[in-house]
Amino acid sequence: MPHDSTFERFSPEFWNERYAQGNIPWDTGITPPELLELVESGQLRPPGVALDLGCGAGTNVNFLTRLGFTAIGVDLAWLAVASARRKALAAGLPALFLAGDLAHLPLDGIQASFVLDMGCLHSLSEEKRQRYAHWLTSLTGPGALYLLYGFDQDPGGGLYGRGFAPGEIAARFAPQFDLLWQRPSWQGDDPVAWYLLQRR
């Protein structure tokens, strides 16, 4: 099987190859503290529809399903989606998983009350980010929460070189979303941040 460097960066083939190799350090099987905080604080409560964009093997979709959400996971990698479906089935959870591009999935008519993105948006091109923002607005209703995680922009053009420019997230989703908070952090030597936005 070819090494992932032979595939277009961030294509479905790229991500499938990473899953085939087991080279998936982001898929920890742990629900992040930032999501747990939203639940424990009462900011995020079922019922409602929850979307996990770039869901990987489904850890957070299953977590949200157990809380009482109608949870839907989306990922470019069909291998990740297949793994997520197996885990949900084994746990007896009615979670739904879809493989494909966010902008070309049968999600019309959905009004999500919560959207999670842990590392999807930051890898997209400018054109796809614009489509993503439009798509996200169309799938969320007033008061919906959007929890986002991503790398900061890397001027050196590393693997996650696209990243987020300073001030990009608040500007990109305005005026439909308000930025409630931003929390800078680090993933190894790489600067990252969590963002919480709310639909107006």
N, C-alpha and C. Protein backbone atom coordinates (compact mmCIF):
# COMPACT_ATOMS: atom_id res chain seq x y z
N MET A 1 0.85 -1.19 0.00
CA MET A 1 0.00 0.00 0.00
C MET A 1 0.89 1.24 0.00
N PRO A 2 0.55 2.28 -0.79
CA PRO A 2 1.41 3.44 -0.86
C PRO A 2 1.41 4.23 0.43
N HIS A 3 2.54 4.90 0.67
CA HIS A 3 2.67 5.75 1.84
C HIS A 3 1.75 6.95 1.69
N ASP A 4 1.27 7.53 2.81
CA ASP A 4 0.28 8.59 2.71
C ASP A 4 0.82 9.84 2.02
N SER A 5 2.14 10.00 1.92
CA SER A 5 2.69 11.17 1.25
C SER A 5 2.43 11.14 -0.24
N THR A 6 2.05 9.99 -0.79
CA THR A 6 1.76 9.89 -2.22
C THR A 6 0.37 10.40 -2.54
N PHE A 7 -0.46 10.64 -1.53
CA PHE A 7 -1.81 11.11 -1.75
C PHE A 7 -1.87 12.63 -1.60
N GLU A 8 -2.85 13.24 -2.26
CA GLU A 8 -3.07 14.67 -2.08
C GLU A 8 -3.34 14.95 -0.61
N ARG A 9 -2.67 15.98 -0.10
CA ARG A 9 -2.79 16.29 1.32
C ARG A 9 -4.26 16.50 1.71
N PHE A 10 -4.69 15.79 2.74
CA PHE A 10 -6.02 15.90 3.32
C PHE A 10 -7.15 15.40 2.42
N SER A 11 -6.83 14.61 1.41
CA SER A 11 -7.86 13.98 0.59
C SER A 11 -8.45 12.79 1.36
N PRO A 12 -9.60 12.23 0.90
CA PRO A 12 -10.11 11.02 1.54
C PRO A 12 -9.08 9.90 1.54
N GLU A 13 -8.32 9.76 0.46
CA GLU A 13 -7.30 8.71 0.39
C GLU A 13 -6.22 8.90 1.46
N PHE A 14 -5.85 10.16 1.68
CA PHE A 14 -4.86 10.47 2.71
C PHE A 14 -5.32 9.96 4.06
N TRP A 15 -6.56 10.33 4.43
CA TRP A 15 -7.05 9.94 5.76
C TRP A 15 -7.30 8.44 5.86
N ASN A 16 -7.80 7.81 4.80
CA ASN A 16 -7.99 6.37 4.83
C ASN A 16 -6.67 5.64 5.02
N GLU A 17 -5.63 6.15 4.36
CA GLU A 17 -4.31 5.53 4.51
C GLU A 17 -3.81 5.65 5.94
N ARG A 18 -4.05 6.81 6.56
CA ARG A 18 -3.64 6.96 7.96
C ARG A 18 -4.35 5.95 8.86
N TYR A 19 -5.65 5.76 8.64
CA TYR A 19 -6.38 4.78 9.44
C TYR A 19 -5.93 3.36 9.13
N ALA A 20 -5.64 3.08 7.86
CA ALA A 20 -5.17 1.75 7.49
C ALA A 20 -3.84 1.43 8.17
N GLN A 21 -3.00 2.43 8.32
CA GLN A 21 -1.69 2.25 8.97
C GLN A 21 -1.78 2.26 10.49
N GLY A 22 -2.94 2.71 11.01
CA GLY A 22 -3.05 2.89 12.45
C GLY A 22 -2.32 4.13 12.93
N ASN A 23 -1.99 5.03 12.00
CA ASN A 23 -1.25 6.26 12.32
C ASN A 23 -2.26 7.38 12.58
N ILE A 24 -2.96 7.28 13.72
CA ILE A 24 -4.07 8.19 14.02
C ILE A 24 -3.94 8.72 15.46
N PRO A 25 -2.89 9.48 15.75
CA PRO A 25 -2.67 9.96 17.13
C PRO A 25 -3.80 10.84 17.65
N TRP A 26 -4.58 11.43 16.73
CA TRP A 26 -5.69 12.30 17.16
C TRP A 26 -6.87 11.50 17.69
N ASP A 27 -6.96 10.23 17.33
CA ASP A 27 -8.11 9.41 17.70
C ASP A 27 -7.81 8.71 19.02
N THR A 28 -7.91 9.48 20.12
CA THR A 28 -7.45 9.01 21.43
C THR A 28 -8.45 8.12 22.15
N GLY A 29 -9.73 8.17 21.74
CA GLY A 29 -10.75 7.44 22.47
C GLY A 29 -11.18 8.14 23.74
N ILE A 30 -10.77 9.41 23.90
CA ILE A 30 -11.08 10.17 25.11
C ILE A 30 -11.92 11.39 24.74
N THR A 31 -13.03 11.60 25.43
CA THR A 31 -13.83 12.81 25.24
C THR A 31 -13.09 13.99 25.86
N PRO A 32 -12.92 15.08 25.13
CA PRO A 32 -12.09 16.19 25.63
C PRO A 32 -12.73 16.91 26.81
N PRO A 33 -11.91 17.44 27.72
CA PRO A 33 -12.43 18.17 28.88
C PRO A 33 -13.32 19.35 28.50
N GLU A 34 -13.04 19.98 27.35
CA GLU A 34 -13.84 21.13 26.93
C GLU A 34 -15.28 20.74 26.64
N LEU A 35 -15.48 19.56 26.08
CA LEU A 35 -16.84 19.06 25.85
C LEU A 35 -17.49 18.64 27.16
N LEU A 36 -16.74 17.97 28.01
CA LEU A 36 -17.27 17.57 29.32
C LEU A 36 -17.69 18.80 30.12
N GLU A 37 -16.93 19.87 30.02
CA GLU A 37 -17.24 21.10 30.75
C GLU A 37 -18.58 21.68 30.31
N LEU A 38 -18.85 21.66 29.00
CA LEU A 38 -20.13 22.18 28.51
C LEU A 38 -21.30 21.39 29.08
N VAL A 39 -21.11 20.08 29.19
CA VAL A 39 -22.17 19.22 29.73
C VAL A 39 -22.32 19.45 31.23
N GLU A 40 -21.21 19.42 31.94
CA GLU A 40 -21.27 19.54 33.41
C GLU A 40 -21.76 20.91 33.86
N SER A 41 -21.50 21.94 33.05
CA SER A 41 -21.94 23.29 33.41
C SER A 41 -23.41 23.53 33.08
N GLY A 42 -24.01 22.62 32.31
CA GLY A 42 -25.40 22.78 31.91
C GLY A 42 -25.58 23.60 30.64
N GLN A 43 -24.49 24.08 30.04
CA GLN A 43 -24.61 24.83 28.78
C GLN A 43 -25.09 23.94 27.64
N LEU A 44 -24.72 22.67 27.69
CA LEU A 44 -25.09 21.74 26.64
C LEU A 44 -25.97 20.64 27.25
N ARG A 45 -27.24 20.63 26.81
CA ARG A 45 -28.18 19.66 27.37
C ARG A 45 -29.02 19.06 26.24
N PRO A 46 -29.28 17.74 26.31
CA PRO A 46 -30.22 17.14 25.37
C PRO A 46 -31.63 17.58 25.75
N PRO A 47 -32.61 17.36 24.84
CA PRO A 47 -32.46 16.65 23.56
C PRO A 47 -31.99 17.61 22.47
N GLY A 48 -31.89 17.09 21.26
CA GLY A 48 -31.47 17.88 20.13
C GLY A 48 -30.60 17.05 19.21
N VAL A 49 -30.25 17.63 18.08
CA VAL A 49 -29.36 16.97 17.13
C VAL A 49 -27.95 17.49 17.34
N ALA A 50 -26.99 16.58 17.45
CA ALA A 50 -25.58 16.92 17.60
C ALA A 50 -24.79 16.37 16.41
N LEU A 51 -23.95 17.21 15.83
CA LEU A 51 -23.10 16.80 14.71
C LEU A 51 -21.65 16.80 15.15
N ASP A 52 -20.92 15.75 14.81
CA ASP A 52 -19.48 15.69 15.04
C ASP A 52 -18.81 15.64 13.68
N LEU A 53 -18.12 16.72 13.31
CA LEU A 53 -17.50 16.86 12.00
C LEU A 53 -16.04 16.40 12.09
N GLY A 54 -15.72 15.34 11.34
CA GLY A 54 -14.41 14.71 11.49
C GLY A 54 -14.46 13.81 12.71
N CYS A 55 -15.45 12.92 12.74
CA CYS A 55 -15.77 12.16 13.96
C CYS A 55 -14.80 11.04 14.27
N GLY A 56 -13.92 10.67 13.31
CA GLY A 56 -13.01 9.57 13.57
C GLY A 56 -13.76 8.29 13.92
N ALA A 57 -13.30 7.59 14.94
CA ALA A 57 -13.89 6.31 15.31
C ALA A 57 -15.12 6.45 16.20
N GLY A 58 -15.63 7.67 16.36
CA GLY A 58 -16.95 7.85 16.97
C GLY A 58 -17.01 8.05 18.47
N THR A 59 -15.89 8.27 19.13
CA THR A 59 -15.88 8.41 20.58
C THR A 59 -16.88 9.46 21.07
N ASN A 60 -16.84 10.66 20.47
CA ASN A 60 -17.68 11.74 20.96
C ASN A 60 -19.12 11.61 20.48
N VAL A 61 -19.34 10.99 19.33
CA VAL A 61 -20.70 10.71 18.88
C VAL A 61 -21.37 9.76 19.87
N ASN A 62 -20.67 8.73 20.27
CA ASN A 62 -21.23 7.79 21.24
C ASN A 62 -21.49 8.45 22.59
N PHE A 63 -20.58 9.33 23.00
CA PHE A 63 -20.76 10.07 24.25
C PHE A 63 -22.04 10.91 24.19
N LEU A 64 -22.22 11.63 23.09
CA LEU A 64 -23.39 12.49 22.93
C LEU A 64 -24.67 11.68 22.83
N THR A 65 -24.60 10.53 22.18
CA THR A 65 -25.77 9.65 22.08
C THR A 65 -26.19 9.16 23.46
N ARG A 66 -25.23 8.80 24.28
CA ARG A 66 -25.54 8.34 25.64
C ARG A 66 -26.21 9.44 26.46
N LEU A 67 -25.88 10.69 26.16
CA LEU A 67 -26.50 11.81 26.89
C LEU A 67 -27.95 12.01 26.50
N GLY A 68 -28.34 11.50 25.32
CA GLY A 68 -29.70 11.67 24.86
C GLY A 68 -29.84 12.50 23.59
N PHE A 69 -28.72 12.87 22.98
CA PHE A 69 -28.77 13.57 21.70
C PHE A 69 -29.00 12.60 20.56
N THR A 70 -29.59 13.08 19.49
CA THR A 70 -29.57 12.38 18.21
C THR A 70 -28.26 12.77 17.56
N ALA A 71 -27.27 11.91 17.64
CA ALA A 71 -25.91 12.26 17.26
C ALA A 71 -25.54 11.69 15.90
N ILE A 72 -24.91 12.53 15.08
CA ILE A 72 -24.50 12.16 13.73
C ILE A 72 -23.02 12.47 13.58
N GLY A 73 -22.25 11.48 13.16
CA GLY A 73 -20.83 11.67 12.92
C GLY A 73 -20.52 11.68 11.43
N VAL A 74 -19.63 12.57 11.03
CA VAL A 74 -19.24 12.71 9.62
C VAL A 74 -17.72 12.65 9.53
N ASP A 75 -17.21 11.88 8.57
CA ASP A 75 -15.77 11.83 8.37
C ASP A 75 -15.46 11.54 6.90
N LEU A 76 -14.36 12.10 6.41
CA LEU A 76 -13.92 11.82 5.04
C LEU A 76 -13.46 10.38 4.88
N ALA A 77 -12.93 9.80 5.95
CA ALA A 77 -12.34 8.46 5.87
C ALA A 77 -13.40 7.39 6.12
N TRP A 78 -13.68 6.58 5.10
CA TRP A 78 -14.68 5.54 5.28
C TRP A 78 -14.21 4.48 6.27
N LEU A 79 -12.89 4.30 6.40
CA LEU A 79 -12.38 3.35 7.40
C LEU A 79 -12.70 3.82 8.82
N ALA A 80 -12.62 5.13 9.05
CA ALA A 80 -12.98 5.67 10.36
C ALA A 80 -14.47 5.47 10.62
N VAL A 81 -15.29 5.73 9.62
CA VAL A 81 -16.73 5.58 9.76
C VAL A 81 -17.11 4.13 10.01
N ALA A 82 -16.45 3.21 9.31
CA ALA A 82 -16.72 1.79 9.52
C ALA A 82 -16.40 1.38 10.95
N SER A 83 -15.27 1.87 11.47
CA SER A 83 -14.89 1.58 12.86
C SER A 83 -15.90 2.18 13.83
N ALA A 84 -16.34 3.41 13.55
CA ALA A 84 -17.32 4.07 14.42
C ALA A 84 -18.64 3.30 14.45
N ARG A 85 -19.07 2.84 13.30
CA ARG A 85 -20.33 2.08 13.24
C ARG A 85 -20.23 0.79 14.05
N ARG A 86 -19.09 0.11 13.94
CA ARG A 86 -18.91 -1.14 14.70
C ARG A 86 -18.96 -0.88 16.20
N LYS A 87 -18.31 0.19 16.66
CA LYS A 87 -18.28 0.50 18.08
C LYS A 87 -19.67 0.86 18.60
N ALA A 88 -20.40 1.65 17.82
CA ALA A 88 -21.75 2.03 18.25
C ALA A 88 -22.67 0.81 18.30
N LEU A 89 -22.54 -0.05 17.30
CA LEU A 89 -23.37 -1.27 17.26
C LEU A 89 -23.06 -2.17 18.45
N ALA A 90 -21.77 -2.32 18.76
CA ALA A 90 -21.37 -3.16 19.89
C ALA A 90 -21.89 -2.61 21.21
N ALA A 91 -22.01 -1.28 21.28
CA ALA A 91 -22.50 -0.65 22.51
C ALA A 91 -24.01 -0.51 22.53
N GLY A 92 -24.68 -0.92 21.44
CA GLY A 92 -26.13 -0.82 21.38
C GLY A 92 -26.63 0.61 21.26
N LEU A 93 -25.81 1.47 20.61
CA LEU A 93 -26.17 2.88 20.50
C LEU A 93 -26.69 3.21 19.10
N PRO A 94 -27.75 4.01 18.99
CA PRO A 94 -28.34 4.33 17.68
C PRO A 94 -27.68 5.52 17.01
N ALA A 95 -26.38 5.61 17.07
CA ALA A 95 -25.67 6.72 16.43
C ALA A 95 -25.64 6.52 14.92
N LEU A 96 -25.56 7.64 14.20
CA LEU A 96 -25.54 7.61 12.74
C LEU A 96 -24.21 8.16 12.26
N PHE A 97 -23.60 7.45 11.30
CA PHE A 97 -22.31 7.88 10.76
C PHE A 97 -22.36 7.94 9.25
N LEU A 98 -21.77 9.01 8.69
CA LEU A 98 -21.74 9.22 7.25
C LEU A 98 -20.32 9.49 6.79
N ALA A 99 -19.94 8.91 5.66
CA ALA A 99 -18.61 9.13 5.08
C ALA A 99 -18.74 10.07 3.89
N GLY A 100 -17.92 11.11 3.86
CA GLY A 100 -17.93 12.00 2.71
C GLY A 100 -17.60 13.43 3.06
N ASP A 101 -17.63 14.27 2.04
CA ASP A 101 -17.38 15.70 2.15
C ASP A 101 -18.56 16.37 2.85
N LEU A 102 -18.25 17.25 3.79
CA LEU A 102 -19.30 17.91 4.57
C LEU A 102 -20.34 18.60 3.70
N ALA A 103 -19.88 19.21 2.60
CA ALA A 103 -20.78 20.01 1.78
C ALA A 103 -21.64 19.17 0.83
N HIS A 104 -21.42 17.86 0.82
CA HIS A 104 -22.14 17.00 -0.14
C HIS A 104 -22.76 15.79 0.55
N LEU A 105 -23.36 16.02 1.71
CA LEU A 105 -23.97 14.93 2.45
C LEU A 105 -25.47 15.19 2.59
N PRO A 106 -26.27 14.13 2.75
CA PRO A 106 -27.73 14.28 2.83
C PRO A 106 -28.17 14.75 4.21
N LEU A 107 -27.85 16.01 4.52
CA LEU A 107 -28.17 16.56 5.83
C LEU A 107 -29.14 17.73 5.74
N ASP A 108 -29.72 17.97 4.57
CA ASP A 108 -30.67 19.07 4.41
C ASP A 108 -31.85 18.90 5.38
N GLY A 109 -32.25 20.00 5.97
CA GLY A 109 -33.39 19.96 6.87
C GLY A 109 -33.03 19.74 8.32
N ILE A 110 -31.78 19.39 8.59
CA ILE A 110 -31.35 19.19 9.98
C ILE A 110 -31.15 20.55 10.65
N GLN A 111 -31.59 20.66 11.90
CA GLN A 111 -31.32 21.84 12.71
C GLN A 111 -30.58 21.36 13.96
N ALA A 112 -29.27 21.41 13.91
CA ALA A 112 -28.45 20.91 15.01
C ALA A 112 -28.41 21.93 16.14
N SER A 113 -28.46 21.43 17.36
CA SER A 113 -28.32 22.30 18.53
C SER A 113 -26.87 22.32 19.02
N PHE A 114 -26.05 21.39 18.52
CA PHE A 114 -24.63 21.36 18.90
C PHE A 114 -23.82 20.79 17.75
N VAL A 115 -22.68 21.44 17.48
CA VAL A 115 -21.74 20.96 16.46
C VAL A 115 -20.35 20.94 17.07
N LEU A 116 -19.65 19.84 16.86
CA LEU A 116 -18.28 19.65 17.34
C LEU A 116 -17.36 19.46 16.14
N ASP A 117 -16.24 20.17 16.14
CA ASP A 117 -15.22 20.00 15.10
C ASP A 117 -13.86 20.01 15.78
N MET A 118 -13.27 18.83 15.87
CA MET A 118 -11.94 18.70 16.47
C MET A 118 -10.91 18.41 15.37
N GLY A 119 -10.58 19.46 14.60
CA GLY A 119 -9.50 19.29 13.64
C GLY A 119 -9.93 19.09 12.20
N CYS A 120 -11.15 19.48 11.85
CA CYS A 120 -11.60 19.35 10.47
C CYS A 120 -11.40 20.67 9.71
N LEU A 121 -11.99 21.74 10.20
CA LEU A 121 -11.94 23.02 9.50
C LEU A 121 -10.52 23.50 9.24
N HIS A 122 -9.62 23.28 10.18
CA HIS A 122 -8.29 23.87 10.04
C HIS A 122 -7.47 23.29 8.88
N SER A 123 -7.92 22.18 8.31
CA SER A 123 -7.18 21.57 7.20
C SER A 123 -7.76 21.95 5.84
N LEU A 124 -8.85 22.73 5.82
CA LEU A 124 -9.52 23.04 4.56
C LEU A 124 -8.93 24.27 3.88
N SER A 125 -9.09 24.32 2.56
CA SER A 125 -8.68 25.48 1.78
C SER A 125 -9.63 26.64 2.05
N GLU A 126 -9.25 27.83 1.61
CA GLU A 126 -10.10 29.00 1.82
C GLU A 126 -11.47 28.82 1.18
N GLU A 127 -11.52 28.30 -0.03
CA GLU A 127 -12.79 28.10 -0.71
C GLU A 127 -13.68 27.14 0.08
N LYS A 128 -13.09 26.05 0.57
CA LYS A 128 -13.88 25.08 1.33
C LYS A 128 -14.30 25.63 2.69
N ARG A 129 -13.49 26.51 3.28
CA ARG A 129 -13.88 27.12 4.54
C ARG A 129 -15.10 28.01 4.37
N GLN A 130 -15.17 28.71 3.25
CA GLN A 130 -16.33 29.54 2.98
C GLN A 130 -17.58 28.69 2.84
N ARG A 131 -17.46 27.57 2.12
CA ARG A 131 -18.61 26.67 1.96
C ARG A 131 -19.00 26.07 3.30
N TYR A 132 -18.00 25.72 4.11
CA TYR A 132 -18.22 25.15 5.44
C TYR A 132 -19.03 26.12 6.30
N ALA A 133 -18.64 27.40 6.31
CA ALA A 133 -19.33 28.39 7.14
C ALA A 133 -20.79 28.54 6.70
N HIS A 134 -21.02 28.56 5.39
CA HIS A 134 -22.39 28.66 4.88
C HIS A 134 -23.19 27.42 5.26
N TRP A 135 -22.58 26.26 5.10
CA TRP A 135 -23.22 24.98 5.40
C TRP A 135 -23.56 24.89 6.88
N LEU A 136 -22.62 25.33 7.74
CA LEU A 136 -22.84 25.26 9.18
C LEU A 136 -24.02 26.15 9.59
N THR A 137 -24.08 27.33 9.01
CA THR A 137 -25.18 28.25 9.31
C THR A 137 -26.52 27.65 8.93
N SER A 138 -26.56 26.96 7.78
CA SER A 138 -27.83 26.40 7.30
C SER A 138 -28.30 25.22 8.14
N LEU A 139 -27.38 24.59 8.88
CA LEU A 139 -27.73 23.39 9.64
C LEU A 139 -27.89 23.62 11.14
N THR A 140 -27.82 24.87 11.56
CA THR A 140 -27.96 25.18 12.98
C THR A 140 -29.06 26.20 13.19
N GLY A 141 -29.70 26.10 14.34
CA GLY A 141 -30.75 27.04 14.69
C GLY A 141 -30.28 28.01 15.75
N PRO A 142 -31.10 29.01 16.08
CA PRO A 142 -30.74 29.99 17.11
C PRO A 142 -30.36 29.33 18.42
N GLY A 143 -29.26 29.80 18.99
CA GLY A 143 -28.79 29.27 20.27
C GLY A 143 -27.89 28.07 20.17
N ALA A 144 -27.73 27.50 18.98
CA ALA A 144 -26.87 26.32 18.83
C ALA A 144 -25.43 26.64 19.22
N LEU A 145 -24.77 25.68 19.84
CA LEU A 145 -23.37 25.82 20.23
C LEU A 145 -22.48 25.12 19.22
N TYR A 146 -21.32 25.72 18.97
CA TYR A 146 -20.33 25.20 18.03
C TYR A 146 -18.98 25.19 18.73
N LEU A 147 -18.47 23.99 19.01
CA LEU A 147 -17.19 23.83 19.70
C LEU A 147 -16.14 23.40 18.68
N LEU A 148 -15.10 24.20 18.53
CA LEU A 148 -14.10 24.02 17.47
C LEU A 148 -12.70 23.93 18.05
N TYR A 149 -11.90 23.02 17.49
CA TYR A 149 -10.50 22.87 17.87
C TYR A 149 -9.65 22.88 16.61
N GLY A 150 -8.55 23.62 16.65
CA GLY A 150 -7.69 23.61 15.47
C GLY A 150 -6.33 24.22 15.74
N PHE A 151 -5.42 23.96 14.80
CA PHE A 151 -4.08 24.50 14.87
C PHE A 151 -4.05 25.96 14.44
N ASP A 152 -3.12 26.71 15.01
CA ASP A 152 -2.86 28.06 14.51
C ASP A 152 -2.13 27.95 13.18
N GLN A 153 -2.20 29.02 12.41
CA GLN A 153 -1.54 29.04 11.11
C GLN A 153 -0.04 28.90 11.28
N ASP A 154 0.57 28.05 10.44
CA ASP A 154 2.00 27.80 10.49
C ASP A 154 2.65 28.45 9.27
N PRO A 155 3.38 29.57 9.45
CA PRO A 155 4.01 30.23 8.31
C PRO A 155 4.99 29.33 7.56
N GLY A 156 5.48 28.30 8.26
CA GLY A 156 6.44 27.39 7.63
C GLY A 156 5.78 26.38 6.70
N GLY A 157 4.43 26.34 6.72
CA GLY A 157 3.73 25.44 5.81
C GLY A 157 3.88 23.98 6.16
N GLY A 158 3.87 23.66 7.46
CA GLY A 158 3.97 22.27 7.88
C GLY A 158 2.71 21.50 7.55
N LEU A 159 2.58 20.30 8.12
CA LEU A 159 1.45 19.43 7.81
C LEU A 159 0.12 20.13 8.03
N TYR A 160 0.02 20.90 9.10
CA TYR A 160 -1.20 21.63 9.38
C TYR A 160 -1.02 23.10 9.06
N GLY A 161 -0.27 23.39 8.00
CA GLY A 161 0.12 24.74 7.66
C GLY A 161 -1.03 25.68 7.38
N ARG A 162 -2.17 25.16 6.97
CA ARG A 162 -3.27 26.06 6.70
C ARG A 162 -3.71 26.74 8.00
N GLY A 163 -4.05 25.97 9.01
CA GLY A 163 -4.36 26.50 10.33
C GLY A 163 -5.31 27.68 10.33
N PHE A 164 -5.42 28.34 11.48
CA PHE A 164 -6.28 29.50 11.63
C PHE A 164 -5.43 30.74 11.84
N ALA A 165 -5.69 31.78 11.07
CA ALA A 165 -5.02 33.06 11.25
C ALA A 165 -5.61 33.76 12.47
N PRO A 166 -4.85 34.68 13.09
CA PRO A 166 -5.39 35.42 14.23
C PRO A 166 -6.69 36.15 13.86
N GLY A 167 -7.71 35.98 14.68
CA GLY A 167 -8.99 36.64 14.46
C GLY A 167 -9.86 36.01 13.40
N GLU A 168 -9.38 34.94 12.76
CA GLU A 168 -10.13 34.35 11.65
C GLU A 168 -11.48 33.79 12.06
N ILE A 169 -11.53 33.08 13.17
CA ILE A 169 -12.75 32.35 13.52
C ILE A 169 -13.90 33.31 13.82
N ALA A 170 -13.65 34.34 14.62
CA ALA A 170 -14.71 35.30 14.92
C ALA A 170 -15.20 35.97 13.65
N ALA A 171 -14.27 36.33 12.76
CA ALA A 171 -14.64 37.02 11.53
C ALA A 171 -15.36 36.10 10.55
N ARG A 172 -14.90 34.88 10.44
CA ARG A 172 -15.47 33.97 9.44
C ARG A 172 -16.92 33.63 9.73
N PHE A 173 -17.28 33.50 10.99
CA PHE A 173 -18.63 33.07 11.32
C PHE A 173 -19.55 34.21 11.72
N ALA A 174 -19.04 35.46 11.70
CA ALA A 174 -19.89 36.62 11.96
C ALA A 174 -20.68 36.96 10.69
N PRO A 175 -21.89 37.51 10.82
CA PRO A 175 -22.58 37.84 12.08
C PRO A 175 -23.49 36.72 12.58
N GLN A 176 -23.45 35.54 11.95
CA GLN A 176 -24.39 34.49 12.35
C GLN A 176 -24.05 33.86 13.69
N PHE A 177 -22.76 33.89 14.06
CA PHE A 177 -22.31 33.30 15.32
C PHE A 177 -21.57 34.34 16.14
N ASP A 178 -21.71 34.25 17.46
CA ASP A 178 -20.90 35.03 18.40
C ASP A 178 -19.82 34.13 18.98
N LEU A 179 -18.61 34.66 19.09
CA LEU A 179 -17.52 33.93 19.73
C LEU A 179 -17.62 34.14 21.24
N LEU A 180 -17.93 33.07 21.96
CA LEU A 180 -18.09 33.17 23.42
C LEU A 180 -16.76 33.14 24.14
N TRP A 181 -15.87 32.26 23.68
CA TRP A 181 -14.52 32.23 24.24
C TRP A 181 -13.54 31.53 23.31
N GLN A 182 -12.26 31.84 23.51
CA GLN A 182 -11.16 31.22 22.79
C GLN A 182 -10.09 30.86 23.81
N ARG A 183 -9.58 29.63 23.74
CA ARG A 183 -8.59 29.17 24.71
C ARG A 183 -7.35 28.64 23.99
N PRO A 184 -6.30 29.44 23.94
CA PRO A 184 -5.05 28.97 23.32
C PRO A 184 -4.46 27.83 24.13
N SER A 185 -3.79 26.92 23.44
CA SER A 185 -3.15 25.79 24.10
C SER A 185 -2.01 25.31 23.21
N TRP A 186 -1.49 24.14 23.55
CA TRP A 186 -0.41 23.56 22.77
C TRP A 186 -0.69 22.08 22.55
N GLN A 187 -0.35 21.60 21.37
CA GLN A 187 -0.32 20.16 21.10
C GLN A 187 1.12 19.84 20.74
N GLY A 188 1.84 19.33 21.73
CA GLY A 188 3.28 19.17 21.55
C GLY A 188 3.91 20.54 21.41
N ASP A 189 4.62 20.76 20.30
CA ASP A 189 5.25 22.06 20.04
C ASP A 189 4.39 22.97 19.18
N ASP A 190 3.17 22.54 18.86
CA ASP A 190 2.32 23.29 17.95
C ASP A 190 1.26 24.09 18.70
N PRO A 191 1.13 25.38 18.39
CA PRO A 191 0.07 26.19 19.02
C PRO A 191 -1.30 25.83 18.44
N VAL A 192 -2.26 25.63 19.33
CA VAL A 192 -3.62 25.29 18.95
C VAL A 192 -4.58 26.15 19.77
N ALA A 193 -5.86 26.01 19.51
CA ALA A 193 -6.84 26.73 20.33
C ALA A 193 -8.18 26.03 20.24
N TRP A 194 -8.95 26.18 21.32
CA TRP A 194 -10.37 25.80 21.35
C TRP A 194 -11.19 27.07 21.22
N TYR A 195 -12.32 26.96 20.54
CA TYR A 195 -13.24 28.09 20.36
C TYR A 195 -14.66 27.60 20.66
N LEU A 196 -15.41 28.42 21.36
CA LEU A 196 -16.83 28.14 21.54
C LEU A 196 -17.63 29.31 20.95
N LEU A 197 -18.50 28.98 19.99
CA LEU A 197 -19.34 29.97 19.34
C LEU A 197 -20.81 29.60 19.55
N GLN A 198 -21.66 30.61 19.44
CA GLN A 198 -23.10 30.36 19.58
C GLN A 198 -23.85 31.06 18.46
N ARG A 199 -24.80 30.33 17.89
CA ARG A 199 -25.61 30.83 16.78
C ARG A 199 -26.59 31.88 17.30
N ARG A 200 -26.66 32.98 16.59
CA ARG A 200 -27.60 34.05 16.96
C ARG A 200 -29.04 33.67 16.62
